[in-house]
Amino acid sequence: MKHSIQTPHFEASTQLLKFAEEHISKLQSINDRIIEAHACLKIDKSDNRENKICEIKLIVPGNDLFTLKRSDTFEDAILQSVSALKHQLERWSSRGKQHTATI
């Protein structure tokens, strides 16, 4: 699985980038058909405390899966995004198995 992490308008630490890569790459163990993962870490210019945003888009054959989570830290936003994608991948995988079983 290829992956890219973008951080527009700020310089991310190598520790944050490693954290994101490590957790995003774990999605490959759930479904080995993932082709690419694109992540974008953003800072929202609001007065809200939860101004860190993590968007992740997974490219899989037939579908693209997407999540956007907002939190007060990038690490928490990444964990929430990965958790949401795990849930989506599990649902997507089970639907595919049910569909092939009925054919």
PDB file of N, CA and C in Angstrom:
ATOM      1  N   MET A   1       0.853  -1.175   0.000  1.00  0.00           N
ATOM      2  CA  MET A   1       0.000   0.000   0.000  1.00  0.00           C
ATOM      3  C   MET A   1       0.897   1.236   0.000  1.00  0.00           C
ATOM      4  N   LYS A   2       0.633   2.115  -0.946  1.00  0.00           N
ATOM      5  CA  LYS A   2       1.323   3.398  -0.959  1.00  0.00           C
ATOM      6  C   LYS A   2       0.547   4.351  -0.066  1.00  0.00           C
ATOM      7  N   HIS A   3       1.256   5.256   0.556  1.00  0.00           N
ATOM      8  CA  HIS A   3       0.562   6.250   1.355  1.00  0.00           C
ATOM      9  C   HIS A   3       1.281   7.592   1.273  1.00  0.00           C
ATOM     10  N   SER A   4       0.512   8.645   1.422  1.00  0.00           N
ATOM     11  CA  SER A   4       1.060   9.999   1.433  1.00  0.00           C
ATOM     12  C   SER A   4       0.374  10.777   2.546  1.00  0.00           C
ATOM     13  N   ILE A   5       1.154  11.646   3.169  1.00  0.00           N
ATOM     14  CA  ILE A   5       0.627  12.481   4.248  1.00  0.00           C
ATOM     15  C   ILE A   5       0.957  13.928   3.907  1.00  0.00           C
ATOM     16  N   GLN A   6      -0.068  14.742   3.846  1.00  0.00           N
ATOM     17  CA  GLN A   6       0.104  16.159   3.551  1.00  0.00           C
ATOM     18  C   GLN A   6      -0.171  16.975   4.811  1.00  0.00           C
ATOM     19  N   THR A   7       0.572  18.051   4.969  1.00  0.00           N
ATOM     20  CA  THR A   7       0.364  18.963   6.084  1.00  0.00           C
ATOM     21  C   THR A   7       0.401  20.396   5.548  1.00  0.00           C
ATOM     22  N   PRO A   8      -0.703  20.838   4.944  1.00  0.00           N
ATOM     23  CA  PRO A   8      -0.702  22.184   4.359  1.00  0.00           C
ATOM     24  C   PRO A   8      -0.635  23.278   5.436  1.00  0.00           C
ATOM     25  N   HIS A   9       0.157  24.272   5.174  1.00  0.00           N
ATOM     26  CA  HIS A   9       0.271  25.477   5.998  1.00  0.00           C
ATOM     27  C   HIS A   9       0.956  25.281   7.348  1.00  0.00           C
ATOM     28  N   PHE A  10       1.594  24.128   7.578  1.00  0.00           N
ATOM     29  CA  PHE A  10       2.413  23.986   8.775  1.00  0.00           C
ATOM     30  C   PHE A  10       3.421  22.857   8.562  1.00  0.00           C
ATOM     31  N   GLU A  11       4.482  22.882   9.334  1.00  0.00           N
ATOM     32  CA  GLU A  11       5.548  21.886   9.261  1.00  0.00           C
ATOM     33  C   GLU A  11       5.313  20.857  10.362  1.00  0.00           C
ATOM     34  N   ALA A  12       5.025  19.633   9.986  1.00  0.00           N
ATOM     35  CA  ALA A  12       4.766  18.571  10.959  1.00  0.00           C
ATOM     36  C   ALA A  12       6.088  17.975  11.435  1.00  0.00           C
ATOM     37  N   SER A  13       6.124  17.569  12.687  1.00  0.00           N
ATOM     38  CA  SER A  13       7.321  16.932  13.216  1.00  0.00           C
ATOM     39  C   SER A  13       7.454  15.523  12.637  1.00  0.00           C
ATOM     40  N   THR A  14       8.665  15.024  12.604  1.00  0.00           N
ATOM     41  CA  THR A  14       8.873  13.666  12.100  1.00  0.00           C
ATOM     42  C   THR A  14       8.192  12.651  13.003  1.00  0.00           C
ATOM     43  N   GLN A  15       8.105  12.956  14.288  1.00  0.00           N
ATOM     44  CA  GLN A  15       7.428  12.065  15.228  1.00  0.00           C
ATOM     45  C   GLN A  15       5.940  11.947  14.890  1.00  0.00           C
ATOM     46  N   LEU A  16       5.299  13.067  14.550  1.00  0.00           N
ATOM     47  CA  LEU A  16       3.882  13.046  14.172  1.00  0.00           C
ATOM     48  C   LEU A  16       3.684  12.287  12.870  1.00  0.00           C
ATOM     49  N   LEU A  17       4.563  12.502  11.909  1.00  0.00           N
ATOM     50  CA  LEU A  17       4.449  11.796  10.631  1.00  0.00           C
ATOM     51  C   LEU A  17       4.641  10.296  10.804  1.00  0.00           C
ATOM     52  N   LYS A  18       5.590   9.888  11.643  1.00  0.00           N
ATOM     53  CA  LYS A  18       5.794   8.457  11.922  1.00  0.00           C
ATOM     54  C   LYS A  18       4.567   7.860  12.606  1.00  0.00           C
ATOM     55  N   PHE A  19       3.997   8.608  13.550  1.00  0.00           N
ATOM     56  CA  PHE A  19       2.795   8.155  14.248  1.00  0.00           C
ATOM     57  C   PHE A  19       1.668   7.908  13.246  1.00  0.00           C
ATOM     58  N   ALA A  20       1.465   8.862  12.342  1.00  0.00           N
ATOM     59  CA  ALA A  20       0.403   8.733  11.344  1.00  0.00           C
ATOM     60  C   ALA A  20       0.682   7.551  10.416  1.00  0.00           C
ATOM     61  N   GLU A  21       1.898   7.422   9.913  1.00  0.00           N
ATOM     62  CA  GLU A  21       2.244   6.317   9.013  1.00  0.00           C
ATOM     63  C   GLU A  21       2.036   4.963   9.692  1.00  0.00           C
ATOM     64  N   GLU A  22       2.454   4.867  10.939  1.00  0.00           N
ATOM     65  CA  GLU A  22       2.340   3.607  11.679  1.00  0.00           C
ATOM     66  C   GLU A  22       0.883   3.172  11.815  1.00  0.00           C
ATOM     67  N   HIS A  23       0.022   4.098  12.178  1.00  0.00           N
ATOM     68  CA  HIS A  23      -1.380   3.737  12.397  1.00  0.00           C
ATOM     69  C   HIS A  23      -2.132   3.524  11.092  1.00  0.00           C
ATOM     70  N   ILE A  24      -1.814   4.299  10.073  1.00  0.00           N
ATOM     71  CA  ILE A  24      -2.478   4.115   8.784  1.00  0.00           C
ATOM     72  C   ILE A  24      -2.062   2.793   8.151  1.00  0.00           C
ATOM     73  N   SER A  25      -0.793   2.412   8.302  1.00  0.00           N
ATOM     74  CA  SER A  25      -0.322   1.152   7.702  1.00  0.00           C
ATOM     75  C   SER A  25      -0.963  -0.066   8.358  1.00  0.00           C
ATOM     76  N   LYS A  26      -1.450   0.063   9.588  1.00  0.00           N
ATOM     77  CA  LYS A  26      -2.131  -1.055  10.252  1.00  0.00           C
ATOM     78  C   LYS A  26      -3.441  -1.427   9.560  1.00  0.00           C
ATOM     79  N   LEU A  27      -3.996  -0.504   8.780  1.00  0.00           N
ATOM     80  CA  LEU A  27      -5.234  -0.792   8.050  1.00  0.00           C
ATOM     81  C   LEU A  27      -5.023  -1.889   7.014  1.00  0.00           C
ATOM     82  N   GLN A  28      -3.795  -2.031   6.539  1.00  0.00           N
ATOM     83  CA  GLN A  28      -3.468  -3.060   5.549  1.00  0.00           C
ATOM     84  C   GLN A  28      -3.739  -4.465   6.107  1.00  0.00           C
ATOM     85  N   SER A  29      -3.594  -4.637   7.427  1.00  0.00           N
ATOM     86  CA  SER A  29      -3.827  -5.962   8.020  1.00  0.00           C
ATOM     87  C   SER A  29      -5.313  -6.335   8.013  1.00  0.00           C
ATOM     88  N   ILE A  30      -6.188  -5.352   7.948  1.00  0.00           N
ATOM     89  CA  ILE A  30      -7.631  -5.622   7.917  1.00  0.00           C
ATOM     90  C   ILE A  30      -8.065  -6.020   6.515  1.00  0.00           C
ATOM     91  N   ASN A  31      -7.530  -5.311   5.523  1.00  0.00           N
ATOM     92  CA  ASN A  31      -7.890  -5.604   4.139  1.00  0.00           C
ATOM     93  C   ASN A  31      -6.656  -5.385   3.277  1.00  0.00           C
ATOM     94  N   ASP A  32      -6.183  -6.448   2.646  1.00  0.00           N
ATOM     95  CA  ASP A  32      -4.955  -6.347   1.848  1.00  0.00           C
ATOM     96  C   ASP A  32      -5.202  -5.814   0.437  1.00  0.00           C
ATOM     97  N   ARG A  33      -6.437  -5.433   0.128  1.00  0.00           N
ATOM     98  CA  ARG A  33      -6.750  -4.897  -1.201  1.00  0.00           C
ATOM     99  C   ARG A  33      -6.631  -3.373  -1.265  1.00  0.00           C
ATOM    100  N   ILE A  34      -6.201  -2.746  -0.184  1.00  0.00           N
ATOM    101  CA  ILE A  34      -6.030  -1.295  -0.178  1.00  0.00           C
ATOM    102  C   ILE A  34      -4.868  -0.942  -1.097  1.00  0.00           C
ATOM    103  N   ILE A  35      -5.112  -0.055  -2.032  1.00  0.00           N
ATOM    104  CA  ILE A  35      -4.088   0.342  -2.999  1.00  0.00           C
ATOM    105  C   ILE A  35      -3.295   1.535  -2.478  1.00  0.00           C
ATOM    106  N   GLU A  36      -3.995   2.560  -2.035  1.00  0.00           N
ATOM    107  CA  GLU A  36      -3.347   3.784  -1.576  1.00  0.00           C
ATOM    108  C   GLU A  36      -4.081   4.355  -0.374  1.00  0.00           C
ATOM    109  N   ALA A  37      -3.353   5.124   0.421  1.00  0.00           N
ATOM    110  CA  ALA A  37      -3.937   5.887   1.521  1.00  0.00           C
ATOM    111  C   ALA A  37      -3.409   7.310   1.434  1.00  0.00           C
ATOM    112  N   HIS A  38      -4.319   8.261   1.420  1.00  0.00           N
ATOM    113  CA  HIS A  38      -3.950   9.677   1.382  1.00  0.00           C
ATOM    114  C   HIS A  38      -4.457  10.328   2.668  1.00  0.00           C
ATOM    115  N   ALA A  39      -3.543  10.903   3.442  1.00  0.00           N
ATOM    116  CA  ALA A  39      -3.917  11.573   4.684  1.00  0.00           C
ATOM    117  C   ALA A  39      -3.575  13.049   4.584  1.00  0.00           C
ATOM    118  N   CYS A  40      -4.397  13.856   5.198  1.00  0.00           N
ATOM    119  CA  CYS A  40      -4.164  15.294   5.237  1.00  0.00           C
ATOM    120  C   CYS A  40      -4.408  15.770   6.663  1.00  0.00           C
ATOM    121  N   LEU A  41      -3.391  16.372   7.259  1.00  0.00           N
ATOM    122  CA  LEU A  41      -3.490  16.923   8.607  1.00  0.00           C
ATOM    123  C   LEU A  41      -3.589  18.436   8.475  1.00  0.00           C
ATOM    124  N   LYS A  42      -4.644  19.005   9.033  1.00  0.00           N
ATOM    125  CA  LYS A  42      -4.900  20.443   8.888  1.00  0.00           C
ATOM    126  C   LYS A  42      -5.147  21.076  10.254  1.00  0.00           C
ATOM    127  N   ILE A  43      -4.912  22.369  10.297  1.00  0.00           N
ATOM    128  CA  ILE A  43      -5.267  23.163  11.478  1.00  0.00           C
ATOM    129  C   ILE A  43      -6.370  24.120  11.060  1.00  0.00           C
ATOM    130  N   ASP A  44      -7.510  24.013  11.744  1.00  0.00           N
ATOM    131  CA  ASP A  44      -8.641  24.895  11.466  1.00  0.00           C
ATOM    132  C   ASP A  44      -8.413  26.224  12.186  1.00  0.00           C
ATOM    133  N   LYS A  45      -8.693  27.309  11.510  1.00  0.00           N
ATOM    134  CA  LYS A  45      -8.463  28.632  12.093  1.00  0.00           C
ATOM    135  C   LYS A  45      -9.690  29.119  12.854  1.00  0.00           C
ATOM    136  N   SER A  46     -10.157  28.304  13.766  1.00  0.00           N
ATOM    137  CA  SER A  46     -11.310  28.693  14.568  1.00  0.00           C
ATOM    138  C   SER A  46     -10.875  28.854  16.024  1.00  0.00           C
ATOM    139  N   ASP A  47     -11.730  29.452  16.804  1.00  0.00           N
ATOM    140  CA  ASP A  47     -11.446  29.609  18.228  1.00  0.00           C
ATOM    141  C   ASP A  47     -11.758  28.343  19.004  1.00  0.00           C
ATOM    142  N   ASN A  48     -12.351  27.385  18.324  1.00  0.00           N
ATOM    143  CA  ASN A  48     -12.702  26.117  18.938  1.00  0.00           C
ATOM    144  C   ASN A  48     -11.438  25.373  19.352  1.00  0.00           C
ATOM    145  N   ARG A  49     -11.457  24.728  20.488  1.00  0.00           N
ATOM    146  CA  ARG A  49     -10.299  23.985  20.978  1.00  0.00           C
ATOM    147  C   ARG A  49      -9.987  22.789  20.082  1.00  0.00           C
ATOM    148  N   GLU A  50     -10.997  22.177  19.534  1.00  0.00           N
ATOM    149  CA  GLU A  50     -10.810  21.023  18.649  1.00  0.00           C
ATOM    150  C   GLU A  50     -10.568  21.525  17.227  1.00  0.00           C
ATOM    151  N   ASN A  51      -9.375  22.040  16.983  1.00  0.00           N
ATOM    152  CA  ASN A  51      -9.088  22.640  15.685  1.00  0.00           C
ATOM    153  C   ASN A  51      -8.088  21.828  14.859  1.00  0.00           C
ATOM    154  N   LYS A  52      -7.752  20.613  15.285  1.00  0.00           N
ATOM    155  CA  LYS A  52      -6.857  19.739  14.526  1.00  0.00           C
ATOM    156  C   LYS A  52      -7.713  18.753  13.740  1.00  0.00           C
ATOM    157  N   ILE A  53      -7.461  18.678  12.440  1.00  0.00           N
ATOM    158  CA  ILE A  53      -8.286  17.852  11.552  1.00  0.00           C
ATOM    159  C   ILE A  53      -7.416  16.805  10.880  1.00  0.00           C
ATOM    160  N   CYS A  54      -7.931  15.586  10.812  1.00  0.00           N
ATOM    161  CA  CYS A  54      -7.279  14.498  10.085  1.00  0.00           C
ATOM    162  C   CYS A  54      -8.278  13.940   9.075  1.00  0.00           C
ATOM    163  N   GLU A  55      -7.910  14.016   7.806  1.00  0.00           N
ATOM    164  CA  GLU A  55      -8.712  13.426   6.735  1.00  0.00           C
ATOM    165  C   GLU A  55      -7.908  12.265   6.164  1.00  0.00           C
ATOM    166  N   ILE A  56      -8.551  11.139   5.980  1.00  0.00           N
ATOM    167  CA  ILE A  56      -7.892   9.994   5.357  1.00  0.00           C
ATOM    168  C   ILE A  56      -8.811   9.441   4.274  1.00  0.00           C
ATOM    169  N   LYS A  57      -8.236   9.208   3.109  1.00  0.00           N
ATOM    170  CA  LYS A  57      -8.964   8.607   1.988  1.00  0.00           C
ATOM    171  C   LYS A  57      -8.230   7.330   1.601  1.00  0.00           C
ATOM    172  N   LEU A  58      -8.958   6.211   1.600  1.00  0.00           N
ATOM    173  CA  LEU A  58      -8.399   4.926   1.183  1.00  0.00           C
ATOM    174  C   LEU A  58      -8.907   4.593  -0.208  1.00  0.00           C
ATOM    175  N   ILE A  59      -7.995   4.234  -1.076  1.00  0.00           N
ATOM    176  CA  ILE A  59      -8.342   3.808  -2.425  1.00  0.00           C
ATOM    177  C   ILE A  59      -8.353   2.286  -2.432  1.00  0.00           C
ATOM    178  N   VAL A  60      -9.537   1.712  -2.651  1.00  0.00           N
ATOM    179  CA  VAL A  60      -9.689   0.260  -2.749  1.00  0.00           C
ATOM    180  C   VAL A  60     -10.444  -0.036  -4.038  1.00  0.00           C
ATOM    181  N   PRO A  61     -10.236  -1.205  -4.619  1.00  0.00           N
ATOM    182  CA  PRO A  61     -10.930  -1.525  -5.867  1.00  0.00           C
ATOM    183  C   PRO A  61     -12.451  -1.433  -5.702  1.00  0.00           C
ATOM    184  N   GLY A  62     -13.069  -0.655  -6.540  1.00  0.00           N
ATOM    185  CA  GLY A  62     -14.526  -0.534  -6.526  1.00  0.00           C
ATOM    186  C   GLY A  62     -15.044   0.609  -5.694  1.00  0.00           C
ATOM    187  N   ASN A  63     -14.320   1.008  -4.662  1.00  0.00           N
ATOM    188  CA  ASN A  63     -14.787   2.053  -3.748  1.00  0.00           C
ATOM    189  C   ASN A  63     -13.613   2.856  -3.221  1.00  0.00           C
ATOM    190  N   ASP A  64     -13.906   4.050  -2.769  1.00  0.00           N
ATOM    191  CA  ASP A  64     -12.967   4.833  -1.986  1.00  0.00           C
ATOM    192  C   ASP A  64     -13.624   5.056  -0.635  1.00  0.00           C
ATOM    193  N   LEU A  65     -12.871   4.876   0.420  1.00  0.00           N
ATOM    194  CA  LEU A  65     -13.382   5.093   1.768  1.00  0.00           C
ATOM    195  C   LEU A  65     -12.772   6.376   2.307  1.00  0.00           C
ATOM    196  N   PHE A  66     -13.561   7.165   3.031  1.00  0.00           N
ATOM    197  CA  PHE A  66     -13.103   8.475   3.488  1.00  0.00           C
ATOM    198  C   PHE A  66     -13.579   8.723   4.910  1.00  0.00           C
ATOM    199  N   THR A  67     -12.731   9.408   5.671  1.00  0.00           N
ATOM    200  CA  THR A  67     -13.133   9.851   6.997  1.00  0.00           C
ATOM    201  C   THR A  67     -12.481  11.190   7.299  1.00  0.00           C
ATOM    202  N   LEU A  68     -13.168  11.987   8.092  1.00  0.00           N
ATOM    203  CA  LEU A  68     -12.659  13.265   8.563  1.00  0.00           C
ATOM    204  C   LEU A  68     -12.991  13.356  10.039  1.00  0.00           C
ATOM    205  N   LYS A  69     -11.965  13.523  10.857  1.00  0.00           N
ATOM    206  CA  LYS A  69     -12.169  13.637  12.302  1.00  0.00           C
ATOM    207  C   LYS A  69     -11.466  14.875  12.814  1.00  0.00           C
ATOM    208  N   ARG A  70     -12.044  15.465  13.827  1.00  0.00           N
ATOM    209  CA  ARG A  70     -11.557  16.714  14.423  1.00  0.00           C
ATOM    210  C   ARG A  70     -11.333  16.467  15.919  1.00  0.00           C
ATOM    211  N   SER A  71     -10.193  16.959  16.426  1.00  0.00           N
ATOM    212  CA  SER A  71      -9.887  16.781  17.838  1.00  0.00           C
ATOM    213  C   SER A  71      -8.968  17.909  18.309  1.00  0.00           C
ATOM    214  N   ASP A  72      -8.606  17.870  19.593  1.00  0.00           N
ATOM    215  CA  ASP A  72      -7.710  18.904  20.106  1.00  0.00           C
ATOM    216  C   ASP A  72      -6.232  18.559  19.886  1.00  0.00           C
ATOM    217  N   THR A  73      -5.930  17.294  19.498  1.00  0.00           N
ATOM    218  CA  THR A  73      -4.569  16.906  19.130  1.00  0.00           C
ATOM    219  C   THR A  73      -4.608  16.120  17.828  1.00  0.00           C
ATOM    220  N   PHE A  74      -3.513  16.199  17.073  1.00  0.00           N
ATOM    221  CA  PHE A  74      -3.446  15.440  15.834  1.00  0.00           C
ATOM    222  C   PHE A  74      -3.442  13.938  16.108  1.00  0.00           C
ATOM    223  N   GLU A  75      -2.772  13.518  17.166  1.00  0.00           N
ATOM    224  CA  GLU A  75      -2.706  12.093  17.484  1.00  0.00           C
ATOM    225  C   GLU A  75      -4.092  11.519  17.719  1.00  0.00           C
ATOM    226  N   ASP A  76      -4.904  12.232  18.472  1.00  0.00           N
ATOM    227  CA  ASP A  76      -6.263  11.761  18.744  1.00  0.00           C
ATOM    228  C   ASP A  76      -7.109  11.755  17.465  1.00  0.00           C
ATOM    229  N   ALA A  77      -6.952  12.779  16.641  1.00  0.00           N
ATOM    230  CA  ALA A  77      -7.700  12.837  15.373  1.00  0.00           C
ATOM    231  C   ALA A  77      -7.293  11.683  14.456  1.00  0.00           C
ATOM    232  N   ILE A  78      -5.994  11.349  14.441  1.00  0.00           N
ATOM    233  CA  ILE A  78      -5.509  10.225  13.628  1.00  0.00           C
ATOM    234  C   ILE A  78      -6.103   8.920  14.139  1.00  0.00           C
ATOM    235  N   LEU A  79      -6.075   8.720  15.458  1.00  0.00           N
ATOM    236  CA  LEU A  79      -6.626   7.483  16.030  1.00  0.00           C
ATOM    237  C   LEU A  79      -8.114   7.348  15.744  1.00  0.00           C
ATOM    238  N   GLN A  80      -8.863   8.441  15.848  1.00  0.00           N
ATOM    239  CA  GLN A  80     -10.293   8.402  15.556  1.00  0.00           C
ATOM    240  C   GLN A  80     -10.543   8.087  14.088  1.00  0.00           C
ATOM    241  N   SER A  81      -9.745   8.678  13.197  1.00  0.00           N
ATOM    242  CA  SER A  81      -9.899   8.435  11.763  1.00  0.00           C
ATOM    243  C   SER A  81      -9.601   6.990  11.410  1.00  0.00           C
ATOM    244  N   VAL A  82      -8.513   6.460  11.953  1.00  0.00           N
ATOM    245  CA  VAL A  82      -8.139   5.069  11.677  1.00  0.00           C
ATOM    246  C   VAL A  82      -9.205   4.122  12.219  1.00  0.00           C
ATOM    247  N   SER A  83      -9.730   4.422  13.391  1.00  0.00           N
ATOM    248  CA  SER A  83     -10.784   3.584  13.966  1.00  0.00           C
ATOM    249  C   SER A  83     -12.040   3.595  13.088  1.00  0.00           C
ATOM    250  N   ALA A  84     -12.411   4.765  12.585  1.00  0.00           N
ATOM    251  CA  ALA A  84     -13.583   4.856  11.707  1.00  0.00           C
ATOM    252  C   ALA A  84     -13.348   4.089  10.411  1.00  0.00           C
ATOM    253  N   LEU A  85     -12.130   4.163   9.884  1.00  0.00           N
ATOM    254  CA  LEU A  85     -11.825   3.428   8.649  1.00  0.00           C
ATOM    255  C   LEU A  85     -11.794   1.921   8.887  1.00  0.00           C
ATOM    256  N   LYS A  86     -11.341   1.498  10.052  1.00  0.00           N
ATOM    257  CA  LYS A  86     -11.376   0.061  10.371  1.00  0.00           C
ATOM    258  C   LYS A  86     -12.816  -0.437  10.321  1.00  0.00           C
ATOM    259  N   HIS A  87     -13.704   0.345  10.912  1.00  0.00           N
ATOM    260  CA  HIS A  87     -15.119  -0.027  10.918  1.00  0.00           C
ATOM    261  C   HIS A  87     -15.666  -0.076   9.488  1.00  0.00           C
ATOM    262  N   GLN A  88     -15.330   0.924   8.679  1.00  0.00           N
ATOM    263  CA  GLN A  88     -15.790   0.946   7.289  1.00  0.00           C
ATOM    264  C   GLN A  88     -15.229  -0.235   6.505  1.00  0.00           C
ATOM    265  N   LEU A  89     -13.943  -0.547   6.714  1.00  0.00           N
ATOM    266  CA  LEU A  89     -13.328  -1.679   6.011  1.00  0.00           C
ATOM    267  C   LEU A  89     -13.970  -3.003   6.395  1.00  0.00           C
ATOM    268  N   GLU A  90     -14.273  -3.167   7.678  1.00  0.00           N
ATOM    269  CA  GLU A  90     -14.917  -4.406   8.125  1.00  0.00           C
ATOM    270  C   GLU A  90     -16.297  -4.546   7.497  1.00  0.00           C
ATOM    271  N   ARG A  91     -17.064  -3.456   7.453  1.00  0.00           N
ATOM    272  CA  ARG A  91     -18.385  -3.496   6.819  1.00  0.00           C
ATOM    273  C   ARG A  91     -18.255  -3.748   5.326  1.00  0.00           C
ATOM    274  N   TRP A  92     -17.299  -3.085   4.683  1.00  0.00           N
ATOM    275  CA  TRP A  92     -17.091  -3.244   3.245  1.00  0.00           C
ATOM    276  C   TRP A  92     -16.669  -4.675   2.921  1.00  0.00           C
ATOM    277  N   SER A  93     -15.774  -5.248   3.732  1.00  0.00           N
ATOM    278  CA  SER A  93     -15.308  -6.617   3.503  1.00  0.00           C
ATOM    279  C   SER A  93     -16.436  -7.629   3.700  1.00  0.00           C
ATOM    280  N   SER A  94     -17.247  -7.424   4.737  1.00  0.00           N
ATOM    281  CA  SER A  94     -18.331  -8.374   4.990  1.00  0.00           C
ATOM    282  C   SER A  94     -19.394  -8.301   3.897  1.00  0.00           C
ATOM    283  N   ARG A  95     -19.652  -7.113   3.355  1.00  0.00           N
ATOM    284  CA  ARG A  95     -20.611  -6.999   2.261  1.00  0.00           C
ATOM    285  C   ARG A  95     -20.110  -7.712   1.020  1.00  0.00           C
ATOM    286  N   GLY A  96     -18.814  -7.611   0.761  1.00  0.00           N
ATOM    287  CA  GLY A  96     -18.232  -8.287  -0.385  1.00  0.00           C
ATOM    288  C   GLY A  96     -18.324  -9.792  -0.263  1.00  0.00           C
ATOM    289  N   LYS A  97     -18.123 -10.305   0.939  1.00  0.00           N
ATOM    290  CA  LYS A  97     -18.214 -11.754   1.167  1.00  0.00           C
ATOM    291  C   LYS A  97     -19.647 -12.228   1.023  1.00  0.00           C
ATOM    292  N   GLN A  98     -20.603 -11.429   1.525  1.00  0.00           N
ATOM    293  CA  GLN A  98     -22.004 -11.806   1.395  1.00  0.00           C
ATOM    294  C   GLN A  98     -22.426 -11.787  -0.072  1.00  0.00           C
ATOM    295  N   HIS A  99     -21.935 -10.799  -0.795  1.00  0.00           N
ATOM    296  CA  HIS A  99     -22.312 -10.651  -2.203  1.00  0.00           C
ATOM    297  C   HIS A  99     -21.761 -11.839  -3.019  1.00  0.00           C
ATOM    298  N   THR A 100     -20.531 -12.226  -2.787  1.00  0.00           N
ATOM    299  CA  THR A 100     -19.946 -13.348  -3.550  1.00  0.00           C
ATOM    300  C   THR A 100     -20.580 -14.675  -3.132  1.00  0.00           C
ATOM    301  N   ALA A 101     -21.052 -14.770  -1.895  1.00  0.00           N
ATOM    302  CA  ALA A 101     -21.662 -16.009  -1.437  1.00  0.00           C
ATOM    303  C   ALA A 101     -23.032 -16.215  -2.093  1.00  0.00           C
ATOM    304  N   THR A 102     -23.720 -15.143  -2.452  1.00  0.00           N
ATOM    305  CA  THR A 102     -25.046 -15.282  -3.046  1.00  0.00           C
ATOM    306  C   THR A 102     -24.987 -15.492  -4.548  1.00  0.00           C
ATOM    307  N   ILE A 103     -23.861 -15.267  -5.151  1.00  0.00           N
ATOM    308  CA  ILE A 103     -23.758 -15.407  -6.618  1.00  0.00           C
ATOM    309  C   ILE A 103     -23.623 -16.835  -7.011  1.00  0.00           C
TER     310      ILE A 103
END
